[in-house]
Amino acid sequence: MTPRKAVPMSIGKKFAHKAEAVKGSIKKTAGRLTGSRRLRAEGRADRFKGNLKQAGAKVKDAVRH
């Protein structure tokens, strides 16, 4: 059996994770400006999820290489 060659995370997925983090930052700022606690909380959650996905992708790429 031949070993499989590892394929790094696609650029599109990396971009999507970064976009999610940026979207969260924008939501958080909008919530702060409007005084909406719900919007600020959503922004923090989106930013956290995006950053977590980015970190996971980096770990996957590091393990594969």
PDB file of N, CA and C in Angstrom:
ATOM      1  N   MET A   1       0.846  -1.179   0.000  1.00  0.00           N
ATOM      2  CA  MET A   1       0.000   0.000   0.000  1.00  0.00           C
ATOM      3  C   MET A   1       0.889   1.238   0.000  1.00  0.00           C
ATOM      4  N   THR A   2       0.607   2.175  -0.880  1.00  0.00           N
ATOM      5  CA  THR A   2       1.406   3.388  -0.966  1.00  0.00           C
ATOM      6  C   THR A   2       0.884   4.428   0.015  1.00  0.00           C
ATOM      7  N   PRO A   3       1.779   5.201   0.629  1.00  0.00           N
ATOM      8  CA  PRO A   3       1.325   6.235   1.566  1.00  0.00           C
ATOM      9  C   PRO A   3       0.624   7.364   0.811  1.00  0.00           C
ATOM     10  N   ARG A   4      -0.386   7.920   1.452  1.00  0.00           N
ATOM     11  CA  ARG A   4      -1.115   9.032   0.846  1.00  0.00           C
ATOM     12  C   ARG A   4      -0.374  10.332   1.084  1.00  0.00           C
ATOM     13  N   LYS A   5      -0.354  11.158   0.080  1.00  0.00           N
ATOM     14  CA  LYS A   5       0.289  12.456   0.200  1.00  0.00           C
ATOM     15  C   LYS A   5      -0.681  13.435   0.855  1.00  0.00           C
ATOM     16  N   ALA A   6      -0.223  14.131   1.879  1.00  0.00           N
ATOM     17  CA  ALA A   6      -1.082  15.070   2.601  1.00  0.00           C
ATOM     18  C   ALA A   6      -1.319  16.320   1.769  1.00  0.00           C
ATOM     19  N   VAL A   7      -2.543  16.754   1.762  1.00  0.00           N
ATOM     20  CA  VAL A   7      -2.925  17.958   1.030  1.00  0.00           C
ATOM     21  C   VAL A   7      -3.179  19.055   2.055  1.00  0.00           C
ATOM     22  N   PRO A   8      -2.481  20.191   1.952  1.00  0.00           N
ATOM     23  CA  PRO A   8      -2.706  21.269   2.925  1.00  0.00           C
ATOM     24  C   PRO A   8      -4.104  21.864   2.794  1.00  0.00           C
ATOM     25  N   MET A   9      -4.515  22.567   3.830  1.00  0.00           N
ATOM     26  CA  MET A   9      -5.828  23.215   3.868  1.00  0.00           C
ATOM     27  C   MET A   9      -5.951  24.148   2.667  1.00  0.00           C
ATOM     28  N   SER A  10      -7.101  24.118   2.023  1.00  0.00           N
ATOM     29  CA  SER A  10      -7.286  24.934   0.830  1.00  0.00           C
ATOM     30  C   SER A  10      -7.304  26.425   1.177  1.00  0.00           C
ATOM     31  N   ILE A  11      -6.909  27.216   0.233  1.00  0.00           N
ATOM     32  CA  ILE A  11      -6.890  28.666   0.405  1.00  0.00           C
ATOM     33  C   ILE A  11      -8.301  29.179   0.674  1.00  0.00           C
ATOM     34  N   GLY A  12      -9.281  28.598   0.014  1.00  0.00           N
ATOM     35  CA  GLY A  12     -10.668  29.021   0.201  1.00  0.00           C
ATOM     36  C   GLY A  12     -11.140  28.837   1.637  1.00  0.00           C
ATOM     37  N   LYS A  13     -10.787  27.701   2.248  1.00  0.00           N
ATOM     38  CA  LYS A  13     -11.190  27.463   3.635  1.00  0.00           C
ATOM     39  C   LYS A  13     -10.465  28.416   4.578  1.00  0.00           C
ATOM     40  N   LYS A  14      -9.190  28.645   4.322  1.00  0.00           N
ATOM     41  CA  LYS A  14      -8.442  29.582   5.159  1.00  0.00           C
ATOM     42  C   LYS A  14      -9.060  30.974   5.078  1.00  0.00           C
ATOM     43  N   PHE A  15      -9.429  31.365   3.876  1.00  0.00           N
ATOM     44  CA  PHE A  15     -10.049  32.673   3.685  1.00  0.00           C
ATOM     45  C   PHE A  15     -11.395  32.741   4.407  1.00  0.00           C
ATOM     46  N   ALA A  16     -12.173  31.662   4.339  1.00  0.00           N
ATOM     47  CA  ALA A  16     -13.486  31.631   4.993  1.00  0.00           C
ATOM     48  C   ALA A  16     -13.341  31.754   6.509  1.00  0.00           C
ATOM     49  N   HIS A  17     -12.326  31.095   7.092  1.00  0.00           N
ATOM     50  CA  HIS A  17     -12.109  31.180   8.536  1.00  0.00           C
ATOM     51  C   HIS A  17     -11.713  32.600   8.938  1.00  0.00           C
ATOM     52  N   LYS A  18     -10.861  33.207   8.155  1.00  0.00           N
ATOM     53  CA  LYS A  18     -10.441  34.579   8.436  1.00  0.00           C
ATOM     54  C   LYS A  18     -11.625  35.532   8.283  1.00  0.00           C
ATOM     55  N   ALA A  19     -12.447  35.307   7.251  1.00  0.00           N
ATOM     56  CA  ALA A  19     -13.620  36.158   7.027  1.00  0.00           C
ATOM     57  C   ALA A  19     -14.591  36.053   8.199  1.00  0.00           C
ATOM     58  N   GLU A  20     -14.742  34.858   8.765  1.00  0.00           N
ATOM     59  CA  GLU A  20     -15.631  34.692   9.912  1.00  0.00           C
ATOM     60  C   GLU A  20     -15.114  35.484  11.115  1.00  0.00           C
ATOM     61  N   ALA A  21     -13.809  35.464  11.330  1.00  0.00           N
ATOM     62  CA  ALA A  21     -13.230  36.230  12.436  1.00  0.00           C
ATOM     63  C   ALA A  21     -13.412  37.733  12.224  1.00  0.00           C
ATOM     64  N   VAL A  22     -13.219  38.189  11.005  1.00  0.00           N
ATOM     65  CA  VAL A  22     -13.389  39.610  10.695  1.00  0.00           C
ATOM     66  C   VAL A  22     -14.851  40.012  10.852  1.00  0.00           C
ATOM     67  N   LYS A  23     -15.762  39.159  10.394  1.00  0.00           N
ATOM     68  CA  LYS A  23     -17.196  39.426  10.542  1.00  0.00           C
ATOM     69  C   LYS A  23     -17.555  39.576  12.026  1.00  0.00           C
ATOM     70  N   GLY A  24     -16.966  38.729  12.860  1.00  0.00           N
ATOM     71  CA  GLY A  24     -17.214  38.820  14.287  1.00  0.00           C
ATOM     72  C   GLY A  24     -16.726  40.129  14.871  1.00  0.00           C
ATOM     73  N   SER A  25     -15.568  40.572  14.426  1.00  0.00           N
ATOM     74  CA  SER A  25     -15.035  41.848  14.904  1.00  0.00           C
ATOM     75  C   SER A  25     -15.944  43.006  14.514  1.00  0.00           C
ATOM     76  N   ILE A  26     -16.473  42.952  13.300  1.00  0.00           N
ATOM     77  CA  ILE A  26     -17.368  44.011  12.834  1.00  0.00           C
ATOM     78  C   ILE A  26     -18.668  44.003  13.640  1.00  0.00           C
ATOM     79  N   LYS A  27     -19.206  42.805  13.879  1.00  0.00           N
ATOM     80  CA  LYS A  27     -20.437  42.707  14.671  1.00  0.00           C
ATOM     81  C   LYS A  27     -20.221  43.231  16.088  1.00  0.00           C
ATOM     82  N   LYS A  28     -19.098  42.875  16.664  1.00  0.00           N
ATOM     83  CA  LYS A  28     -18.800  43.323  18.025  1.00  0.00           C
ATOM     84  C   LYS A  28     -18.733  44.850  18.081  1.00  0.00           C
ATOM     85  N   THR A  29     -18.051  45.442  17.112  1.00  0.00           N
ATOM     86  CA  THR A  29     -17.938  46.897  17.058  1.00  0.00           C
ATOM     87  C   THR A  29     -19.298  47.547  16.835  1.00  0.00           C
ATOM     88  N   ALA A  30     -20.101  46.969  15.952  1.00  0.00           N
ATOM     89  CA  ALA A  30     -21.437  47.508  15.705  1.00  0.00           C
ATOM     90  C   ALA A  30     -22.289  47.420  16.967  1.00  0.00           C
ATOM     91  N   GLY A  31     -22.157  46.324  17.688  1.00  0.00           N
ATOM     92  CA  GLY A  31     -22.898  46.176  18.937  1.00  0.00           C
ATOM     93  C   GLY A  31     -22.465  47.190  19.974  1.00  0.00           C
ATOM     94  N   ARG A  32     -21.183  47.467  20.017  1.00  0.00           N
ATOM     95  CA  ARG A  32     -20.668  48.455  20.958  1.00  0.00           C
ATOM     96  C   ARG A  32     -21.185  49.853  20.601  1.00  0.00           C
ATOM     97  N   LEU A  33     -21.207  50.171  19.308  1.00  0.00           N
ATOM     98  CA  LEU A  33     -21.662  51.490  18.874  1.00  0.00           C
ATOM     99  C   LEU A  33     -23.159  51.694  19.102  1.00  0.00           C
ATOM    100  N   THR A  34     -23.937  50.629  18.905  1.00  0.00           N
ATOM    101  CA  THR A  34     -25.388  50.750  19.051  1.00  0.00           C
ATOM    102  C   THR A  34     -25.870  50.436  20.464  1.00  0.00           C
ATOM    103  N   GLY A  35     -24.993  49.888  21.281  1.00  0.00           N
ATOM    104  CA  GLY A  35     -25.382  49.532  22.639  1.00  0.00           C
ATOM    105  C   GLY A  35     -26.113  48.202  22.722  1.00  0.00           C
ATOM    106  N   SER A  36     -26.019  47.397  21.681  1.00  0.00           N
ATOM    107  CA  SER A  36     -26.702  46.098  21.642  1.00  0.00           C
ATOM    108  C   SER A  36     -25.809  45.027  22.267  1.00  0.00           C
ATOM    109  N   ARG A  37     -26.222  44.524  23.421  1.00  0.00           N
ATOM    110  CA  ARG A  37     -25.444  43.473  24.086  1.00  0.00           C
ATOM    111  C   ARG A  37     -25.487  42.178  23.276  1.00  0.00           C
ATOM    112  N   ARG A  38     -26.631  41.907  22.658  1.00  0.00           N
ATOM    113  CA  ARG A  38     -26.778  40.683  21.875  1.00  0.00           C
ATOM    114  C   ARG A  38     -25.820  40.685  20.682  1.00  0.00           C
ATOM    115  N   LEU A  39     -25.737  41.805  19.991  1.00  0.00           N
ATOM    116  CA  LEU A  39     -24.862  41.909  18.830  1.00  0.00           C
ATOM    117  C   LEU A  39     -23.392  41.804  19.238  1.00  0.00           C
ATOM    118  N   ARG A  40     -23.041  42.414  20.363  1.00  0.00           N
ATOM    119  CA  ARG A  40     -21.662  42.295  20.857  1.00  0.00           C
ATOM    120  C   ARG A  40     -21.328  40.849  21.180  1.00  0.00           C
ATOM    121  N   ALA A  41     -22.261  40.154  21.815  1.00  0.00           N
ATOM    122  CA  ALA A  41     -22.021  38.747  22.170  1.00  0.00           C
ATOM    123  C   ALA A  41     -21.892  37.875  20.922  1.00  0.00           C
ATOM    124  N   GLU A  42     -22.750  38.117  19.930  1.00  0.00           N
ATOM    125  CA  GLU A  42     -22.654  37.373  18.674  1.00  0.00           C
ATOM    126  C   GLU A  42     -21.311  37.633  17.999  1.00  0.00           C
ATOM    127  N   GLY A  43     -20.873  38.874  18.029  1.00  0.00           N
ATOM    128  CA  GLY A  43     -19.588  39.233  17.422  1.00  0.00           C
ATOM    129  C   GLY A  43     -18.427  38.528  18.104  1.00  0.00           C
ATOM    130  N   ARG A  44     -18.455  38.514  19.428  1.00  0.00           N
ATOM    131  CA  ARG A  44     -17.392  37.814  20.158  1.00  0.00           C
ATOM    132  C   ARG A  44     -17.394  36.327  19.821  1.00  0.00           C
ATOM    133  N   ALA A  45     -18.578  35.730  19.751  1.00  0.00           N
ATOM    134  CA  ALA A  45     -18.686  34.299  19.438  1.00  0.00           C
ATOM    135  C   ALA A  45     -18.191  34.004  18.030  1.00  0.00           C
ATOM    136  N   ASP A  46     -18.588  34.823  17.055  1.00  0.00           N
ATOM    137  CA  ASP A  46     -18.140  34.617  15.672  1.00  0.00           C
ATOM    138  C   ASP A  46     -16.626  34.759  15.556  1.00  0.00           C
ATOM    139  N   ARG A  47     -16.097  35.776  16.221  1.00  0.00           N
ATOM    140  CA  ARG A  47     -14.645  35.989  16.176  1.00  0.00           C
ATOM    141  C   ARG A  47     -13.906  34.808  16.799  1.00  0.00           C
ATOM    142  N   PHE A  48     -14.415  34.318  17.914  1.00  0.00           N
ATOM    143  CA  PHE A  48     -13.798  33.184  18.584  1.00  0.00           C
ATOM    144  C   PHE A  48     -13.834  31.936  17.698  1.00  0.00           C
ATOM    145  N   LYS A  49     -14.987  31.680  17.071  1.00  0.00           N
ATOM    146  CA  LYS A  49     -15.095  30.509  16.199  1.00  0.00           C
ATOM    147  C   LYS A  49     -14.132  30.607  15.018  1.00  0.00           C
ATOM    148  N   GLY A  50     -14.050  31.785  14.410  1.00  0.00           N
ATOM    149  CA  GLY A  50     -13.142  31.968  13.283  1.00  0.00           C
ATOM    150  C   GLY A  50     -11.688  31.767  13.679  1.00  0.00           C
ATOM    151  N   ASN A  51     -11.299  32.327  14.828  1.00  0.00           N
ATOM    152  CA  ASN A  51      -9.929  32.165  15.298  1.00  0.00           C
ATOM    153  C   ASN A  51      -9.635  30.712  15.656  1.00  0.00           C
ATOM    154  N   LEU A  52     -10.613  30.027  16.232  1.00  0.00           N
ATOM    155  CA  LEU A  52     -10.430  28.629  16.595  1.00  0.00           C
ATOM    156  C   LEU A  52     -10.255  27.768  15.349  1.00  0.00           C
ATOM    157  N   LYS A  53     -11.046  28.039  14.322  1.00  0.00           N
ATOM    158  CA  LYS A  53     -10.918  27.293  13.073  1.00  0.00           C
ATOM    159  C   LYS A  53      -9.567  27.558  12.413  1.00  0.00           C
ATOM    160  N   GLN A  54      -9.095  28.797  12.481  1.00  0.00           N
ATOM    161  CA  GLN A  54      -7.781  29.120  11.923  1.00  0.00           C
ATOM    162  C   GLN A  54      -6.688  28.350  12.653  1.00  0.00           C
ATOM    163  N   ALA A  55      -6.777  28.310  13.977  1.00  0.00           N
ATOM    164  CA  ALA A  55      -5.778  27.589  14.762  1.00  0.00           C
ATOM    165  C   ALA A  55      -5.814  26.108  14.431  1.00  0.00           C
ATOM    166  N   GLY A  56      -7.005  25.546  14.284  1.00  0.00           N
ATOM    167  CA  GLY A  56      -7.129  24.132  13.930  1.00  0.00           C
ATOM    168  C   GLY A  56      -6.510  23.844  12.582  1.00  0.00           C
ATOM    169  N   ALA A  57      -6.711  24.731  11.633  1.00  0.00           N
ATOM    170  CA  ALA A  57      -6.137  24.557  10.306  1.00  0.00           C
ATOM    171  C   ALA A  57      -4.616  24.602  10.360  1.00  0.00           C
ATOM    172  N   LYS A  58      -4.079  25.496  11.179  1.00  0.00           N
ATOM    173  CA  LYS A  58      -2.620  25.582  11.308  1.00  0.00           C
ATOM    174  C   LYS A  58      -2.050  24.315  11.916  1.00  0.00           C
ATOM    175  N   VAL A  59      -2.735  23.775  12.898  1.00  0.00           N
ATOM    176  CA  VAL A  59      -2.276  22.533  13.536  1.00  0.00           C
ATOM    177  C   VAL A  59      -2.319  21.388  12.526  1.00  0.00           C
ATOM    178  N   LYS A  60      -3.413  21.291  11.768  1.00  0.00           N
ATOM    179  CA  LYS A  60      -3.524  20.236  10.755  1.00  0.00           C
ATOM    180  C   LYS A  60      -2.388  20.336   9.747  1.00  0.00           C
ATOM    181  N   ASP A  61      -2.116  21.548   9.267  1.00  0.00           N
ATOM    182  CA  ASP A  61      -1.041  21.733   8.289  1.00  0.00           C
ATOM    183  C   ASP A  61       0.314  21.386   8.891  1.00  0.00           C
ATOM    184  N   ALA A  62       0.527  21.731  10.155  1.00  0.00           N
ATOM    185  CA  ALA A  62       1.804  21.445  10.801  1.00  0.00           C
ATOM    186  C   ALA A  62       2.002  19.938  10.979  1.00  0.00           C
ATOM    187  N   VAL A  63       0.945  19.230  11.299  1.00  0.00           N
ATOM    188  CA  VAL A  63       1.040  17.787  11.514  1.00  0.00           C
ATOM    189  C   VAL A  63       1.281  17.065  10.195  1.00  0.00           C
ATOM    190  N   ARG A  64       0.691  17.556   9.134  1.00  0.00           N
ATOM    191  CA  ARG A  64       0.818  16.909   7.827  1.00  0.00           C
ATOM    192  C   ARG A  64       2.194  17.093   7.212  1.00  0.00           C
ATOM    193  N   HIS A  65       2.929  18.120   7.613  1.00  0.00           N
ATOM    194  CA  HIS A  65       4.229  18.394   6.981  1.00  0.00           C
ATOM    195  C   HIS A  65       5.340  17.939   7.823  1.00  0.00           C
TER     196      HIS A  65
END
